């Protein structure tokens, strides 16, 4: 059962995931955001994987970085989210935040600049 679930998510991530070069993301309504962030990072071979869980009118966002990633992801995400009126934080390679859905494009652009 767990293997089938992982295979299902793998297929969804490959089809619906968006590769931004240095990070990749997916918007979903199901699944563990942390697990999906890790999976998409591996599938697209990027430094940071991001899973956005649709919790209207917000996105709950999980971010996971590779072991080689040198910046502190949690501090970066905290600054970006707070600047957009949201909340966030975390560890050097694992972070999370919550932003309003209408701030997504700005959030992704700021990440692209900083990652």
N, C-alpha and C. Protein backbone atom coordinates (compact mmCIF):
# COMPACT_ATOMS: atom_id res chain seq x y z
N UNK A 1 0.80 -1.21 0.00
CA UNK A 1 0.00 0.00 0.00
C UNK A 1 0.84 1.27 0.00
N UNK A 2 1.89 1.35 0.86
CA UNK A 2 2.73 2.54 0.88
C UNK A 2 3.50 2.69 -0.43
N UNK A 3 3.95 1.56 -0.98
CA UNK A 3 4.68 1.61 -2.25
C UNK A 3 3.77 2.12 -3.35
N UNK A 4 2.53 1.68 -3.36
CA UNK A 4 1.58 2.15 -4.37
C UNK A 4 1.33 3.65 -4.22
N UNK A 5 1.24 4.12 -2.99
CA UNK A 5 1.05 5.55 -2.75
C UNK A 5 2.25 6.34 -3.26
N UNK A 6 3.46 5.86 -2.96
CA UNK A 6 4.67 6.54 -3.43
C UNK A 6 4.73 6.55 -4.95
N UNK A 7 4.37 5.44 -5.58
CA UNK A 7 4.36 5.38 -7.04
C UNK A 7 3.33 6.35 -7.62
N UNK A 8 2.18 6.45 -6.96
CA UNK A 8 1.15 7.40 -7.40
C UNK A 8 1.68 8.83 -7.32
N UNK A 9 2.31 9.17 -6.19
CA UNK A 9 2.85 10.52 -6.03
C UNK A 9 3.98 10.78 -7.02
N UNK A 10 4.81 9.77 -7.27
CA UNK A 10 5.91 9.93 -8.23
C UNK A 10 5.34 10.30 -9.60
N UNK A 11 4.31 9.61 -10.01
CA UNK A 11 3.69 9.87 -11.31
C UNK A 11 3.09 11.29 -11.35
N UNK A 12 2.41 11.68 -10.28
CA UNK A 12 1.82 13.02 -10.20
C UNK A 12 2.90 14.09 -10.23
N UNK A 13 3.97 13.89 -9.46
CA UNK A 13 5.05 14.88 -9.40
C UNK A 13 5.72 15.06 -10.76
N UNK A 14 5.95 13.95 -11.46
CA UNK A 14 6.58 14.05 -12.78
C UNK A 14 5.68 14.78 -13.78
N UNK A 15 4.38 14.60 -13.64
CA UNK A 15 3.43 15.20 -14.58
C UNK A 15 3.11 16.66 -14.22
N UNK A 16 2.92 16.94 -12.93
CA UNK A 16 2.44 18.25 -12.51
C UNK A 16 3.48 19.14 -11.85
N UNK A 17 4.66 18.58 -11.55
CA UNK A 17 5.72 19.36 -10.92
C UNK A 17 6.25 20.41 -11.88
N UNK A 18 6.68 21.53 -11.32
CA UNK A 18 7.20 22.63 -12.12
C UNK A 18 8.65 22.87 -11.73
N UNK A 19 9.54 22.74 -12.72
CA UNK A 19 10.97 22.92 -12.50
C UNK A 19 11.35 24.36 -12.80
N UNK A 20 11.88 25.04 -11.79
CA UNK A 20 12.27 26.45 -11.92
C UNK A 20 13.78 26.61 -12.06
N UNK A 21 14.48 25.53 -12.31
CA UNK A 21 15.94 25.59 -12.47
C UNK A 21 16.66 25.19 -11.20
N UNK A 22 16.65 26.06 -10.20
CA UNK A 22 17.33 25.73 -8.95
C UNK A 22 16.38 25.17 -7.89
N UNK A 23 15.09 25.20 -8.18
CA UNK A 23 14.12 24.53 -7.30
C UNK A 23 12.94 24.05 -8.15
N UNK A 24 12.18 23.14 -7.57
CA UNK A 24 10.98 22.62 -8.24
C UNK A 24 9.85 22.60 -7.22
N UNK A 25 8.61 22.74 -7.72
CA UNK A 25 7.49 22.76 -6.79
C UNK A 25 6.26 22.08 -7.39
N UNK A 26 5.33 21.77 -6.48
CA UNK A 26 4.03 21.23 -6.87
C UNK A 26 2.98 21.79 -5.93
N UNK A 27 1.80 22.01 -6.47
CA UNK A 27 0.65 22.42 -5.67
C UNK A 27 -0.27 21.21 -5.56
N UNK A 28 -0.66 20.87 -4.34
CA UNK A 28 -1.46 19.68 -4.12
C UNK A 28 -2.48 19.91 -3.01
N UNK A 29 -3.45 19.02 -2.94
CA UNK A 29 -4.42 19.04 -1.84
C UNK A 29 -4.25 17.82 -0.95
N UNK A 30 -3.33 16.92 -1.33
CA UNK A 30 -3.20 15.69 -0.57
C UNK A 30 -1.74 15.34 -0.32
N UNK A 31 -1.53 14.44 0.62
CA UNK A 31 -0.21 13.92 0.88
C UNK A 31 0.57 14.73 1.90
N UNK A 32 1.65 14.13 2.36
CA UNK A 32 2.56 14.79 3.30
C UNK A 32 3.42 15.78 2.54
N UNK A 33 3.30 17.04 2.90
CA UNK A 33 4.04 18.07 2.18
C UNK A 33 5.55 17.87 2.27
N UNK A 34 6.05 17.47 3.44
CA UNK A 34 7.48 17.24 3.58
C UNK A 34 7.97 16.12 2.69
N UNK A 35 7.23 15.03 2.64
CA UNK A 35 7.58 13.90 1.78
C UNK A 35 7.57 14.32 0.31
N UNK A 36 6.52 15.05 -0.09
CA UNK A 36 6.43 15.47 -1.49
C UNK A 36 7.55 16.44 -1.86
N UNK A 37 7.91 17.33 -0.93
CA UNK A 37 9.02 18.27 -1.18
C UNK A 37 10.32 17.50 -1.40
N UNK A 38 10.56 16.48 -0.58
CA UNK A 38 11.75 15.66 -0.77
C UNK A 38 11.71 14.90 -2.09
N UNK A 39 10.55 14.35 -2.42
CA UNK A 39 10.43 13.58 -3.66
C UNK A 39 10.66 14.45 -4.89
N UNK A 40 10.06 15.62 -4.93
CA UNK A 40 10.19 16.47 -6.12
C UNK A 40 11.62 16.97 -6.27
N UNK A 41 12.30 17.18 -5.15
CA UNK A 41 13.72 17.57 -5.19
C UNK A 41 14.53 16.50 -5.91
N UNK A 42 14.27 15.24 -5.59
CA UNK A 42 14.99 14.15 -6.23
C UNK A 42 14.59 13.93 -7.68
N UNK A 43 13.31 14.00 -7.96
CA UNK A 43 12.81 13.76 -9.32
C UNK A 43 13.39 14.77 -10.31
N UNK A 44 13.45 16.03 -9.91
CA UNK A 44 13.94 17.08 -10.81
C UNK A 44 15.42 17.42 -10.59
N UNK A 45 16.06 16.71 -9.64
CA UNK A 45 17.48 16.90 -9.37
C UNK A 45 17.82 18.38 -9.15
N UNK A 46 17.10 18.99 -8.21
CA UNK A 46 17.29 20.40 -7.89
C UNK A 46 17.75 20.53 -6.44
N UNK A 47 18.23 21.72 -6.08
CA UNK A 47 18.73 21.94 -4.71
C UNK A 47 17.60 21.99 -3.68
N UNK A 48 16.43 22.51 -4.09
CA UNK A 48 15.32 22.66 -3.15
C UNK A 48 14.03 22.15 -3.78
N UNK A 49 13.30 21.34 -3.03
CA UNK A 49 11.99 20.86 -3.44
C UNK A 49 10.92 21.52 -2.57
N UNK A 50 9.81 21.88 -3.21
CA UNK A 50 8.76 22.62 -2.51
C UNK A 50 7.41 21.98 -2.80
N UNK A 51 6.64 21.75 -1.74
CA UNK A 51 5.26 21.27 -1.87
C UNK A 51 4.34 22.30 -1.25
N UNK A 52 3.38 22.75 -2.03
CA UNK A 52 2.41 23.73 -1.56
C UNK A 52 1.08 23.03 -1.38
N UNK A 53 0.59 23.01 -0.16
CA UNK A 53 -0.70 22.40 0.13
C UNK A 53 -1.77 23.48 0.09
N UNK A 54 -2.77 23.28 -0.74
CA UNK A 54 -3.85 24.25 -0.93
C UNK A 54 -4.80 24.19 0.25
N UNK A 55 -4.73 25.23 1.07
CA UNK A 55 -5.60 25.36 2.25
C UNK A 55 -6.29 26.71 2.14
N UNK A 56 -7.15 26.83 1.15
CA UNK A 56 -7.80 28.09 0.78
C UNK A 56 -8.20 28.91 2.00
N UNK A 57 -7.82 30.15 2.14
CA UNK A 57 -7.20 31.06 1.17
C UNK A 57 -5.67 31.13 1.28
N UNK A 58 -5.05 30.09 1.85
CA UNK A 58 -3.61 30.07 2.05
C UNK A 58 -2.97 28.91 1.31
N UNK A 59 -1.64 28.97 1.22
CA UNK A 59 -0.82 27.82 0.88
C UNK A 59 0.03 27.52 2.11
N UNK A 60 -0.01 26.26 2.56
CA UNK A 60 0.93 25.77 3.56
C UNK A 60 2.07 25.15 2.76
N UNK A 61 3.27 25.64 2.97
CA UNK A 61 4.39 25.31 2.11
C UNK A 61 5.48 24.59 2.89
N UNK A 62 5.94 23.47 2.35
CA UNK A 62 7.08 22.74 2.91
C UNK A 62 8.21 22.80 1.91
N UNK A 63 9.40 23.07 2.41
CA UNK A 63 10.60 23.16 1.58
C UNK A 63 11.66 22.22 2.14
N UNK A 64 12.35 21.51 1.26
CA UNK A 64 13.43 20.62 1.66
C UNK A 64 14.62 20.86 0.74
N UNK A 65 15.80 21.01 1.35
CA UNK A 65 17.02 21.27 0.59
C UNK A 65 17.92 20.04 0.56
N UNK A 66 18.77 19.97 -0.46
CA UNK A 66 19.74 18.89 -0.57
C UNK A 66 20.81 19.04 0.50
N UNK A 67 21.55 18.00 0.75
CA UNK A 67 22.63 18.04 1.74
C UNK A 67 23.73 19.01 1.33
N UNK A 68 23.86 19.28 0.05
CA UNK A 68 24.90 20.17 -0.45
C UNK A 68 24.49 21.64 -0.37
N UNK A 69 23.24 21.91 -0.07
CA UNK A 69 22.75 23.29 -0.04
C UNK A 69 23.43 24.05 1.10
N UNK A 70 23.98 25.22 0.81
CA UNK A 70 24.83 25.94 1.76
C UNK A 70 24.13 27.02 2.58
N UNK A 71 22.98 27.50 2.13
CA UNK A 71 22.31 28.59 2.85
C UNK A 71 21.36 28.02 3.92
N UNK A 72 20.91 28.86 4.82
CA UNK A 72 19.97 28.44 5.87
C UNK A 72 18.55 28.65 5.34
N UNK A 73 17.94 27.57 4.90
CA UNK A 73 16.62 27.63 4.27
C UNK A 73 15.57 28.21 5.21
N UNK A 74 15.60 27.82 6.47
CA UNK A 74 14.60 28.30 7.44
C UNK A 74 14.62 29.81 7.61
N UNK A 75 15.82 30.38 7.76
CA UNK A 75 15.94 31.83 7.92
C UNK A 75 15.49 32.57 6.66
N UNK A 76 15.85 32.02 5.49
CA UNK A 76 15.46 32.64 4.23
C UNK A 76 13.94 32.64 4.07
N UNK A 77 13.32 31.51 4.35
CA UNK A 77 11.87 31.38 4.20
C UNK A 77 11.15 32.28 5.21
N UNK A 78 11.67 32.37 6.42
CA UNK A 78 11.07 33.24 7.42
C UNK A 78 11.04 34.69 6.93
N UNK A 79 12.16 35.18 6.40
CA UNK A 79 12.24 36.56 5.90
C UNK A 79 11.25 36.80 4.75
N UNK A 80 11.24 35.86 3.80
CA UNK A 80 10.35 36.03 2.64
C UNK A 80 8.89 36.02 3.08
N UNK A 81 8.51 35.03 3.87
CA UNK A 81 7.11 34.90 4.29
C UNK A 81 6.66 36.12 5.09
N UNK A 82 7.48 36.56 6.04
CA UNK A 82 7.11 37.73 6.84
C UNK A 82 6.96 38.96 5.96
N UNK A 83 7.82 39.11 4.96
CA UNK A 83 7.74 40.23 4.04
C UNK A 83 6.47 40.24 3.21
N UNK A 84 5.84 39.08 3.11
CA UNK A 84 4.60 38.95 2.34
C UNK A 84 3.37 38.84 3.25
N UNK A 85 3.56 39.11 4.53
CA UNK A 85 2.44 39.05 5.47
C UNK A 85 2.12 37.66 5.98
N UNK A 86 3.02 36.71 5.75
CA UNK A 86 2.80 35.34 6.20
C UNK A 86 3.68 35.01 7.40
N UNK A 87 3.78 33.71 7.68
CA UNK A 87 4.62 33.22 8.77
C UNK A 87 5.47 32.09 8.24
N UNK A 88 6.61 31.86 8.89
CA UNK A 88 7.45 30.76 8.45
C UNK A 88 8.73 30.67 9.23
N UNK A 89 9.50 29.63 8.93
CA UNK A 89 10.78 29.42 9.57
C UNK A 89 11.23 27.98 9.39
N UNK A 90 12.26 27.60 10.14
CA UNK A 90 12.70 26.22 10.05
C UNK A 90 14.18 26.05 10.31
N UNK A 91 14.71 25.01 9.75
CA UNK A 91 16.07 24.55 9.94
C UNK A 91 16.90 24.84 8.69
N UNK A 92 18.20 24.56 8.73
CA UNK A 92 19.03 24.84 7.55
C UNK A 92 18.55 24.15 6.27
N UNK A 93 18.02 22.94 6.36
CA UNK A 93 17.63 22.22 5.15
C UNK A 93 16.15 21.82 5.10
N UNK A 94 15.37 22.28 6.08
CA UNK A 94 13.94 21.99 6.11
C UNK A 94 13.21 23.20 6.67
N UNK A 95 12.22 23.66 5.93
CA UNK A 95 11.50 24.85 6.35
C UNK A 95 10.03 24.74 5.95
N UNK A 96 9.24 25.64 6.52
CA UNK A 96 7.83 25.70 6.18
C UNK A 96 7.32 27.10 6.37
N UNK A 97 6.24 27.40 5.68
CA UNK A 97 5.63 28.72 5.84
C UNK A 97 4.17 28.65 5.39
N UNK A 98 3.47 29.73 5.68
CA UNK A 98 2.08 29.90 5.26
C UNK A 98 1.94 31.30 4.69
N UNK A 99 1.47 31.37 3.45
CA UNK A 99 1.24 32.66 2.81
C UNK A 99 -0.15 32.66 2.18
N UNK A 100 -0.67 33.86 1.94
CA UNK A 100 -1.94 33.96 1.22
C UNK A 100 -1.71 33.57 -0.23
N UNK A 101 -2.71 32.95 -0.81
CA UNK A 101 -2.58 32.42 -2.17
C UNK A 101 -2.22 33.50 -3.19
N UNK A 102 -2.70 34.72 -2.98
CA UNK A 102 -2.41 35.77 -3.96
C UNK A 102 -0.97 36.27 -3.89
N UNK A 103 -0.19 35.77 -2.94
CA UNK A 103 1.22 36.14 -2.80
C UNK A 103 2.16 35.09 -3.41
N UNK A 104 1.61 34.04 -4.01
CA UNK A 104 2.44 32.94 -4.49
C UNK A 104 3.48 33.37 -5.52
N UNK A 105 3.09 34.11 -6.53
CA UNK A 105 4.03 34.49 -7.58
C UNK A 105 5.20 35.29 -6.99
N UNK A 106 4.89 36.21 -6.09
CA UNK A 106 5.93 37.00 -5.45
C UNK A 106 6.85 36.12 -4.59
N UNK A 107 6.26 35.16 -3.88
CA UNK A 107 7.04 34.22 -3.07
C UNK A 107 8.01 33.44 -3.95
N UNK A 108 7.52 32.89 -5.05
CA UNK A 108 8.36 32.10 -5.94
C UNK A 108 9.46 32.95 -6.57
N UNK A 109 9.14 34.18 -6.94
CA UNK A 109 10.16 35.07 -7.52
C UNK A 109 11.26 35.38 -6.52
N UNK A 110 10.89 35.63 -5.28
CA UNK A 110 11.89 35.91 -4.24
C UNK A 110 12.77 34.67 -3.99
N UNK A 111 12.15 33.50 -3.99
CA UNK A 111 12.93 32.28 -3.82
C UNK A 111 13.92 32.12 -4.97
N UNK A 112 13.47 32.35 -6.18
CA UNK A 112 14.33 32.19 -7.35
C UNK A 112 15.55 33.11 -7.25
N UNK A 113 15.37 34.30 -6.71
CA UNK A 113 16.49 35.22 -6.52
C UNK A 113 17.48 34.72 -5.47
N UNK A 114 16.97 34.08 -4.43
CA UNK A 114 17.80 33.77 -3.26
C UNK A 114 18.37 32.35 -3.22
N UNK A 115 17.72 31.41 -3.88
CA UNK A 115 18.20 30.02 -3.79
C UNK A 115 19.45 29.86 -4.66
